[in-house]
Amino acid sequence: MATTYLVLVNNVLNELNESELTASSFSSSRGVQTAVKKFVVKAMNETYNSLSEYLICTNLLTKLPMLDKGHMPYLLLLLLKVQI
């Protein structure tokens, strides 16, 4: 689902019962609106970083030798249970 930064910020503002931002008023936000803009950026960064760490771990673990033919390593099974 493709979306824009402005849509994400407005979705959070709607949940907080705050007024939405438009493209023209986005740069002149104040108070809660500015805080929400910063929180959305932080959430996006944390999501991206945790996803990259997860992909690095799964790439490393898939290169481990198999314990038995047709079975995945136990560490990989533990990692797959972790929710992102």
PDB file of N, CA and C in Angstrom:
ATOM      1  N   MET A   1       0.836  -1.176   0.000  1.00  0.00           N
ATOM      2  CA  MET A   1       0.000   0.000   0.000  1.00  0.00           C
ATOM      3  C   MET A   1       0.882   1.241   0.000  1.00  0.00           C
ATOM      4  N   ALA A   2       0.850   1.971  -1.084  1.00  0.00           N
ATOM      5  CA  ALA A   2       1.658   3.181  -1.200  1.00  0.00           C
ATOM      6  C   ALA A   2       0.953   4.333  -0.490  1.00  0.00           C
ATOM      7  N   THR A   3       1.729   5.115   0.223  1.00  0.00           N
ATOM      8  CA  THR A   3       1.180   6.274   0.923  1.00  0.00           C
ATOM      9  C   THR A   3       2.273   7.339   1.011  1.00  0.00           C
ATOM     10  N   THR A   4       1.897   8.520   1.400  1.00  0.00           N
ATOM     11  CA  THR A   4       2.874   9.601   1.518  1.00  0.00           C
ATOM     12  C   THR A   4       3.088   9.951   2.990  1.00  0.00           C
ATOM     13  N   TYR A   5       4.135  10.698   3.207  1.00  0.00           N
ATOM     14  CA  TYR A   5       4.455  11.165   4.557  1.00  0.00           C
ATOM     15  C   TYR A   5       3.308  12.024   5.091  1.00  0.00           C
ATOM     16  N   LEU A   6       2.743  12.873   4.253  1.00  0.00           N
ATOM     17  CA  LEU A   6       1.637  13.732   4.660  1.00  0.00           C
ATOM     18  C   LEU A   6       0.426  12.904   5.084  1.00  0.00           C
ATOM     19  N   VAL A   7       0.127  11.831   4.367  1.00  0.00           N
ATOM     20  CA  VAL A   7      -0.998  10.965   4.715  1.00  0.00           C
ATOM     21  C   VAL A   7      -0.757  10.282   6.050  1.00  0.00           C
ATOM     22  N   LEU A   8       0.470   9.799   6.275  1.00  0.00           N
ATOM     23  CA  LEU A   8       0.787   9.157   7.548  1.00  0.00           C
ATOM     24  C   LEU A   8       0.621  10.120   8.715  1.00  0.00           C
ATOM     25  N   VAL A   9       1.132  11.336   8.552  1.00  0.00           N
ATOM     26  CA  VAL A   9       1.014  12.338   9.612  1.00  0.00           C
ATOM     27  C   VAL A   9      -0.455  12.670   9.867  1.00  0.00           C
ATOM     28  N   ASN A  10      -1.233  12.839   8.810  1.00  0.00           N
ATOM     29  CA  ASN A  10      -2.655  13.160   8.978  1.00  0.00           C
ATOM     30  C   ASN A  10      -3.425  12.017   9.625  1.00  0.00           C
ATOM     31  N   ASN A  11      -3.044  10.771   9.351  1.00  0.00           N
ATOM     32  CA  ASN A  11      -3.694   9.636  10.014  1.00  0.00           C
ATOM     33  C   ASN A  11      -3.484   9.688  11.524  1.00  0.00           C
ATOM     34  N   VAL A  12      -2.272  10.007  11.942  1.00  0.00           N
ATOM     35  CA  VAL A  12      -1.991  10.116  13.385  1.00  0.00           C
ATOM     36  C   VAL A  12      -2.729  11.307  13.977  1.00  0.00           C
ATOM     37  N   LEU A  13      -2.731  12.418  13.268  1.00  0.00           N
ATOM     38  CA  LEU A  13      -3.445  13.601  13.767  1.00  0.00           C
ATOM     39  C   LEU A  13      -4.940  13.322  13.905  1.00  0.00           C
ATOM     40  N   ASN A  14      -5.510  12.562  12.993  1.00  0.00           N
ATOM     41  CA  ASN A  14      -6.930  12.200  13.103  1.00  0.00           C
ATOM     42  C   ASN A  14      -7.186  11.383  14.363  1.00  0.00           C
ATOM     43  N   GLU A  15      -6.290  10.457  14.663  1.00  0.00           N
ATOM     44  CA  GLU A  15      -6.456   9.633  15.878  1.00  0.00           C
ATOM     45  C   GLU A  15      -6.388  10.484  17.140  1.00  0.00           C
ATOM     46  N   LEU A  16      -5.649  11.577  17.076  1.00  0.00           N
ATOM     47  CA  LEU A  16      -5.514  12.473  18.228  1.00  0.00           C
ATOM     48  C   LEU A  16      -6.562  13.589  18.231  1.00  0.00           C
ATOM     49  N   ASN A  17      -7.466  13.561  17.266  1.00  0.00           N
ATOM     50  CA  ASN A  17      -8.490  14.611  17.110  1.00  0.00           C
ATOM     51  C   ASN A  17      -7.876  15.995  16.947  1.00  0.00           C
ATOM     52  N   GLU A  18      -6.825  16.069  16.181  1.00  0.00           N
ATOM     53  CA  GLU A  18      -6.181  17.338  15.861  1.00  0.00           C
ATOM     54  C   GLU A  18      -6.480  17.691  14.408  1.00  0.00           C
ATOM     55  N   SER A  19      -6.309  18.954  14.070  1.00  0.00           N
ATOM     56  CA  SER A  19      -6.580  19.370  12.693  1.00  0.00           C
ATOM     57  C   SER A  19      -5.505  18.827  11.754  1.00  0.00           C
ATOM     58  N   GLU A  20      -5.947  18.469  10.543  1.00  0.00           N
ATOM     59  CA  GLU A  20      -5.032  17.899   9.554  1.00  0.00           C
ATOM     60  C   GLU A  20      -4.163  18.981   8.927  1.00  0.00           C
ATOM     61  N   LEU A  21      -3.068  18.535   8.352  1.00  0.00           N
ATOM     62  CA  LEU A  21      -2.179  19.424   7.623  1.00  0.00           C
ATOM     63  C   LEU A  21      -2.443  19.278   6.129  1.00  0.00           C
ATOM     64  N   THR A  22      -2.197  20.348   5.399  1.00  0.00           N
ATOM     65  CA  THR A  22      -2.254  20.298   3.944  1.00  0.00           C
ATOM     66  C   THR A  22      -0.851  20.497   3.416  1.00  0.00           C
ATOM     67  N   ALA A  23      -0.678  20.341   2.128  1.00  0.00           N
ATOM     68  CA  ALA A  23       0.653  20.519   1.532  1.00  0.00           C
ATOM     69  C   ALA A  23       1.160  21.940   1.759  1.00  0.00           C
ATOM     70  N   SER A  24       0.261  22.915   1.743  1.00  0.00           N
ATOM     71  CA  SER A  24       0.703  24.303   1.929  1.00  0.00           C
ATOM     72  C   SER A  24       0.955  24.644   3.395  1.00  0.00           C
ATOM     73  N   SER A  25       0.252  23.989   4.318  1.00  0.00           N
ATOM     74  CA  SER A  25       0.444  24.298   5.744  1.00  0.00           C
ATOM     75  C   SER A  25       1.418  23.345   6.434  1.00  0.00           C
ATOM     76  N   PHE A  26       1.990  22.409   5.685  1.00  0.00           N
ATOM     77  CA  PHE A  26       2.834  21.392   6.295  1.00  0.00           C
ATOM     78  C   PHE A  26       4.092  21.988   6.926  1.00  0.00           C
ATOM     79  N   SER A  27       4.715  22.935   6.259  1.00  0.00           N
ATOM     80  CA  SER A  27       5.969  23.501   6.784  1.00  0.00           C
ATOM     81  C   SER A  27       5.735  24.465   7.942  1.00  0.00           C
ATOM     82  N   SER A  28       4.518  24.966   8.102  1.00  0.00           N
ATOM     83  CA  SER A  28       4.238  25.923   9.182  1.00  0.00           C
ATOM     84  C   SER A  28       3.451  25.290  10.323  1.00  0.00           C
ATOM     85  N   SER A  29       3.656  24.010  10.558  1.00  0.00           N
ATOM     86  CA  SER A  29       2.932  23.327  11.643  1.00  0.00           C
ATOM     87  C   SER A  29       3.434  23.799  12.998  1.00  0.00           C
ATOM     88  N   ARG A  30       2.593  23.633  14.007  1.00  0.00           N
ATOM     89  CA  ARG A  30       2.952  24.045  15.363  1.00  0.00           C
ATOM     90  C   ARG A  30       2.467  23.011  16.374  1.00  0.00           C
ATOM     91  N   GLY A  31       3.164  22.971  17.499  1.00  0.00           N
ATOM     92  CA  GLY A  31       2.729  22.161  18.633  1.00  0.00           C
ATOM     93  C   GLY A  31       2.639  20.682  18.352  1.00  0.00           C
ATOM     94  N   VAL A  32       1.435  20.139  18.540  1.00  0.00           N
ATOM     95  CA  VAL A  32       1.209  18.699  18.399  1.00  0.00           C
ATOM     96  C   VAL A  32       1.502  18.255  16.965  1.00  0.00           C
ATOM     97  N   GLN A  33       1.158  19.088  16.000  1.00  0.00           N
ATOM     98  CA  GLN A  33       1.388  18.732  14.600  1.00  0.00           C
ATOM     99  C   GLN A  33       2.879  18.528  14.315  1.00  0.00           C
ATOM    100  N   THR A  34       3.722  19.408  14.837  1.00  0.00           N
ATOM    101  CA  THR A  34       5.166  19.277  14.654  1.00  0.00           C
ATOM    102  C   THR A  34       5.682  18.044  15.370  1.00  0.00           C
ATOM    103  N   ALA A  35       5.177  17.779  16.562  1.00  0.00           N
ATOM    104  CA  ALA A  35       5.598  16.592  17.307  1.00  0.00           C
ATOM    105  C   ALA A  35       5.227  15.328  16.539  1.00  0.00           C
ATOM    106  N   VAL A  36       4.029  15.283  15.967  1.00  0.00           N
ATOM    107  CA  VAL A  36       3.592  14.114  15.210  1.00  0.00           C
ATOM    108  C   VAL A  36       4.480  13.917  13.989  1.00  0.00           C
ATOM    109  N   LYS A  37       4.862  14.988  13.316  1.00  0.00           N
ATOM    110  CA  LYS A  37       5.763  14.875  12.168  1.00  0.00           C
ATOM    111  C   LYS A  37       7.077  14.219  12.576  1.00  0.00           C
ATOM    112  N   LYS A  38       7.619  14.626  13.721  1.00  0.00           N
ATOM    113  CA  LYS A  38       8.877  14.049  14.205  1.00  0.00           C
ATOM    114  C   LYS A  38       8.697  12.596  14.621  1.00  0.00           C
ATOM    115  N   PHE A  39       7.571  12.273  15.257  1.00  0.00           N
ATOM    116  CA  PHE A  39       7.315  10.897  15.697  1.00  0.00           C
ATOM    117  C   PHE A  39       7.159   9.953  14.508  1.00  0.00           C
ATOM    118  N   VAL A  40       6.523  10.418  13.445  1.00  0.00           N
ATOM    119  CA  VAL A  40       6.347   9.578  12.259  1.00  0.00           C
ATOM    120  C   VAL A  40       7.700   9.284  11.624  1.00  0.00           C
ATOM    121  N   VAL A  41       8.572  10.283  11.531  1.00  0.00           N
ATOM    122  CA  VAL A  41       9.912  10.061  10.981  1.00  0.00           C
ATOM    123  C   VAL A  41      10.684   9.075  11.842  1.00  0.00           C
ATOM    124  N   LYS A  42      10.600   9.237  13.161  1.00  0.00           N
ATOM    125  CA  LYS A  42      11.293   8.325  14.073  1.00  0.00           C
ATOM    126  C   LYS A  42      10.773   6.899  13.927  1.00  0.00           C
ATOM    127  N   ALA A  43       9.455   6.736  13.832  1.00  0.00           N
ATOM    128  CA  ALA A  43       8.867   5.405  13.669  1.00  0.00           C
ATOM    129  C   ALA A  43       9.289   4.772  12.354  1.00  0.00           C
ATOM    130  N   MET A  44       9.343   5.566  11.295  1.00  0.00           N
ATOM    131  CA  MET A  44       9.777   5.045   9.999  1.00  0.00           C
ATOM    132  C   MET A  44      11.236   4.590  10.064  1.00  0.00           C
ATOM    133  N   ASN A  45      12.079   5.383  10.700  1.00  0.00           N
ATOM    134  CA  ASN A  45      13.497   5.020  10.829  1.00  0.00           C
ATOM    135  C   ASN A  45      13.680   3.754  11.654  1.00  0.00           C
ATOM    136  N   GLU A  46      12.964   3.649  12.770  1.00  0.00           N
ATOM    137  CA  GLU A  46      13.089   2.466  13.620  1.00  0.00           C
ATOM    138  C   GLU A  46      12.577   1.219  12.914  1.00  0.00           C
ATOM    139  N   THR A  47      11.503   1.360  12.148  1.00  0.00           N
ATOM    140  CA  THR A  47      10.975   0.223  11.388  1.00  0.00           C
ATOM    141  C   THR A  47      11.978  -0.226  10.341  1.00  0.00           C
ATOM    142  N   TYR A  48      12.558   0.723   9.622  1.00  0.00           N
ATOM    143  CA  TYR A  48      13.539   0.389   8.593  1.00  0.00           C
ATOM    144  C   TYR A  48      14.768  -0.282   9.208  1.00  0.00           C
ATOM    145  N   ASN A  49      15.254   0.263  10.329  1.00  0.00           N
ATOM    146  CA  ASN A  49      16.446  -0.309  10.962  1.00  0.00           C
ATOM    147  C   ASN A  49      16.188  -1.715  11.496  1.00  0.00           C
ATOM    148  N   SER A  50      15.039  -1.935  12.126  1.00  0.00           N
ATOM    149  CA  SER A  50      14.763  -3.271  12.658  1.00  0.00           C
ATOM    150  C   SER A  50      14.566  -4.273  11.532  1.00  0.00           C
ATOM    151  N   LEU A  51      13.982  -3.841  10.424  1.00  0.00           N
ATOM    152  CA  LEU A  51      13.813  -4.739   9.286  1.00  0.00           C
ATOM    153  C   LEU A  51      15.161  -5.108   8.686  1.00  0.00           C
ATOM    154  N   SER A  52      16.072  -4.119   8.552  1.00  0.00           N
ATOM    155  CA  SER A  52      17.393  -4.444   8.005  1.00  0.00           C
ATOM    156  C   SER A  52      18.165  -5.383   8.914  1.00  0.00           C
ATOM    157  N   GLU A  53      18.068  -5.178  10.238  1.00  0.00           N
ATOM    158  CA  GLU A  53      18.752  -6.080  11.168  1.00  0.00           C
ATOM    159  C   GLU A  53      18.170  -7.492  11.058  1.00  0.00           C
ATOM    160  N   TYR A  54      16.863  -7.596  10.925  1.00  0.00           N
ATOM    161  CA  TYR A  54      16.215  -8.899  10.789  1.00  0.00           C
ATOM    162  C   TYR A  54      16.689  -9.601   9.516  1.00  0.00           C
ATOM    163  N   LEU A  55      16.754  -8.860   8.408  1.00  0.00           N
ATOM    164  CA  LEU A  55      17.185  -9.462   7.145  1.00  0.00           C
ATOM    165  C   LEU A  55      18.642  -9.896   7.201  1.00  0.00           C
ATOM    166  N   ILE A  56      19.490  -9.121   7.865  1.00  0.00           N
ATOM    167  CA  ILE A  56      20.903  -9.501   8.004  1.00  0.00           C
ATOM    168  C   ILE A  56      21.016 -10.791   8.805  1.00  0.00           C
ATOM    169  N   CYS A  57      20.262 -10.885   9.904  1.00  0.00           N
ATOM    170  CA  CYS A  57      20.305 -12.094  10.733  1.00  0.00           C
ATOM    171  C   CYS A  57      19.806 -13.311   9.971  1.00  0.00           C
ATOM    172  N   THR A  58      18.713 -13.164   9.232  1.00  0.00           N
ATOM    173  CA  THR A  58      18.191 -14.317   8.506  1.00  0.00           C
ATOM    174  C   THR A  58      19.134 -14.730   7.394  1.00  0.00           C
ATOM    175  N   ASN A  59      19.801 -13.770   6.762  1.00  0.00           N
ATOM    176  CA  ASN A  59      20.770 -14.124   5.721  1.00  0.00           C
ATOM    177  C   ASN A  59      21.947 -14.891   6.306  1.00  0.00           C
ATOM    178  N   LEU A  60      22.404 -14.484   7.482  1.00  0.00           N
ATOM    179  CA  LEU A  60      23.521 -15.178   8.118  1.00  0.00           C
ATOM    180  C   LEU A  60      23.111 -16.580   8.553  1.00  0.00           C
ATOM    181  N   LEU A  61      21.908 -16.704   9.127  1.00  0.00           N
ATOM    182  CA  LEU A  61      21.478 -17.996   9.651  1.00  0.00           C
ATOM    183  C   LEU A  61      21.144 -18.997   8.548  1.00  0.00           C
ATOM    184  N   THR A  62      20.694 -18.506   7.404  1.00  0.00           N
ATOM    185  CA  THR A  62      20.376 -19.447   6.326  1.00  0.00           C
ATOM    186  C   THR A  62      21.634 -20.046   5.715  1.00  0.00           C
ATOM    187  N   LYS A  63      22.788 -19.430   5.977  1.00  0.00           N
ATOM    188  CA  LYS A  63      24.038 -19.971   5.464  1.00  0.00           C
ATOM    189  C   LYS A  63      24.681 -20.979   6.406  1.00  0.00           C
ATOM    190  N   LEU A  64      24.047 -21.210   7.578  1.00  0.00           N
ATOM    191  CA  LEU A  64      24.556 -22.223   8.497  1.00  0.00           C
ATOM    192  C   LEU A  64      24.320 -23.606   7.897  1.00  0.00           C
ATOM    193  N   PRO A  65      25.185 -24.553   8.196  1.00  0.00           N
ATOM    194  CA  PRO A  65      24.948 -25.908   7.673  1.00  0.00           C
ATOM    195  C   PRO A  65      23.695 -26.516   8.295  1.00  0.00           C
ATOM    196  N   MET A  66      23.012 -27.323   7.536  1.00  0.00           N
ATOM    197  CA  MET A  66      21.801 -27.973   8.021  1.00  0.00           C
ATOM    198  C   MET A  66      22.160 -29.020   9.073  1.00  0.00           C
ATOM    199  N   LEU A  67      21.292 -29.166  10.079  1.00  0.00           N
ATOM    200  CA  LEU A  67      21.531 -30.166  11.108  1.00  0.00           C
ATOM    201  C   LEU A  67      21.231 -31.561  10.569  1.00  0.00           C
ATOM    202  N   ASP A  68      20.140 -31.694   9.890  1.00  0.00           N
ATOM    203  CA  ASP A  68      19.757 -32.930   9.214  1.00  0.00           C
ATOM    204  C   ASP A  68      19.249 -32.538   7.840  1.00  0.00           C
ATOM    205  N   LYS A  69      19.248 -33.442   6.934  1.00  0.00           N
ATOM    206  CA  LYS A  69      18.771 -33.130   5.595  1.00  0.00           C
ATOM    207  C   LYS A  69      17.301 -32.713   5.656  1.00  0.00           C
ATOM    208  N   GLY A  70      17.012 -31.529   5.109  1.00  0.00           N
ATOM    209  CA  GLY A  70      15.637 -31.045   5.063  1.00  0.00           C
ATOM    210  C   GLY A  70      15.172 -30.306   6.295  1.00  0.00           C
ATOM    211  N   HIS A  71      16.021 -30.106   7.301  1.00  0.00           N
ATOM    212  CA  HIS A  71      15.615 -29.389   8.502  1.00  0.00           C
ATOM    213  C   HIS A  71      16.357 -28.058   8.581  1.00  0.00           C
ATOM    214  N   MET A  72      15.657 -27.044   9.065  1.00  0.00           N
ATOM    215  CA  MET A  72      16.272 -25.734   9.233  1.00  0.00           C
ATOM    216  C   MET A  72      17.023 -25.705  10.564  1.00  0.00           C
ATOM    217  N   PRO A  73      18.059 -24.885  10.659  1.00  0.00           N
ATOM    218  CA  PRO A  73      18.756 -24.762  11.954  1.00  0.00           C
ATOM    219  C   PRO A  73      17.818 -24.251  13.042  1.00  0.00           C
ATOM    220  N   TYR A  74      18.043 -24.695  14.263  1.00  0.00           N
ATOM    221  CA  TYR A  74      17.174 -24.316  15.376  1.00  0.00           C
ATOM    222  C   TYR A  74      17.183 -22.809  15.616  1.00  0.00           C
ATOM    223  N   LEU A  75      18.323 -22.154  15.424  1.00  0.00           N
ATOM    224  CA  LEU A  75      18.382 -20.714  15.642  1.00  0.00           C
ATOM    225  C   LEU A  75      17.462 -19.970  14.689  1.00  0.00           C
ATOM    226  N   LEU A  76      17.378 -20.422  13.461  1.00  0.00           N
ATOM    227  CA  LEU A  76      16.503 -19.772  12.499  1.00  0.00           C
ATOM    228  C   LEU A  76      15.039 -19.914  12.914  1.00  0.00           C
ATOM    229  N   LEU A  77      14.674 -21.066  13.450  1.00  0.00           N
ATOM    230  CA  LEU A  77      13.305 -21.253  13.915  1.00  0.00           C
ATOM    231  C   LEU A  77      12.981 -20.294  15.055  1.00  0.00           C
ATOM    232  N   LEU A  78      13.932 -20.087  15.941  1.00  0.00           N
ATOM    233  CA  LEU A  78      13.715 -19.144  17.040  1.00  0.00           C
ATOM    234  C   LEU A  78      13.567 -17.733  16.516  1.00  0.00           C
ATOM    235  N   LEU A  79      14.378 -17.376  15.528  1.00  0.00           N
ATOM    236  CA  LEU A  79      14.329 -16.031  14.971  1.00  0.00           C
ATOM    237  C   LEU A  79      13.009 -15.773  14.255  1.00  0.00           C
ATOM    238  N   LEU A  80      12.487 -16.758  13.583  1.00  0.00           N
ATOM    239  CA  LEU A  80      11.245 -16.573  12.839  1.00  0.00           C
ATOM    240  C   LEU A  80      10.048 -16.356  13.751  1.00  0.00           C
ATOM    241  N   LYS A  81      10.148 -16.744  15.022  1.00  0.00           N
ATOM    242  CA  LYS A  81       9.051 -16.525  15.968  1.00  0.00           C
ATOM    243  C   LYS A  81       9.018 -15.082  16.464  1.00  0.00           C
ATOM    244  N   VAL A  82      10.086 -14.322  16.265  1.00  0.00           N
ATOM    245  CA  VAL A  82      10.149 -12.934  16.708  1.00  0.00           C
ATOM    246  C   VAL A  82       9.301 -12.089  15.776  1.00  0.00           C
ATOM    247  N   GLN A  83       8.401 -11.306  16.314  1.00  0.00           N
ATOM    248  CA  GLN A  83       7.545 -10.463  15.505  1.00  0.00           C
ATOM    249  C   GLN A  83       8.230  -9.142  15.222  1.00  0.00           C
ATOM    250  N   ILE A  84       8.000  -8.666  14.038  1.00  0.00           N
ATOM    251  CA  ILE A  84       8.606  -7.386  13.627  1.00  0.00           C
ATOM    252  C   ILE A  84       7.625  -6.262  13.880  1.00  0.00           C
TER     253      ILE A  84
END
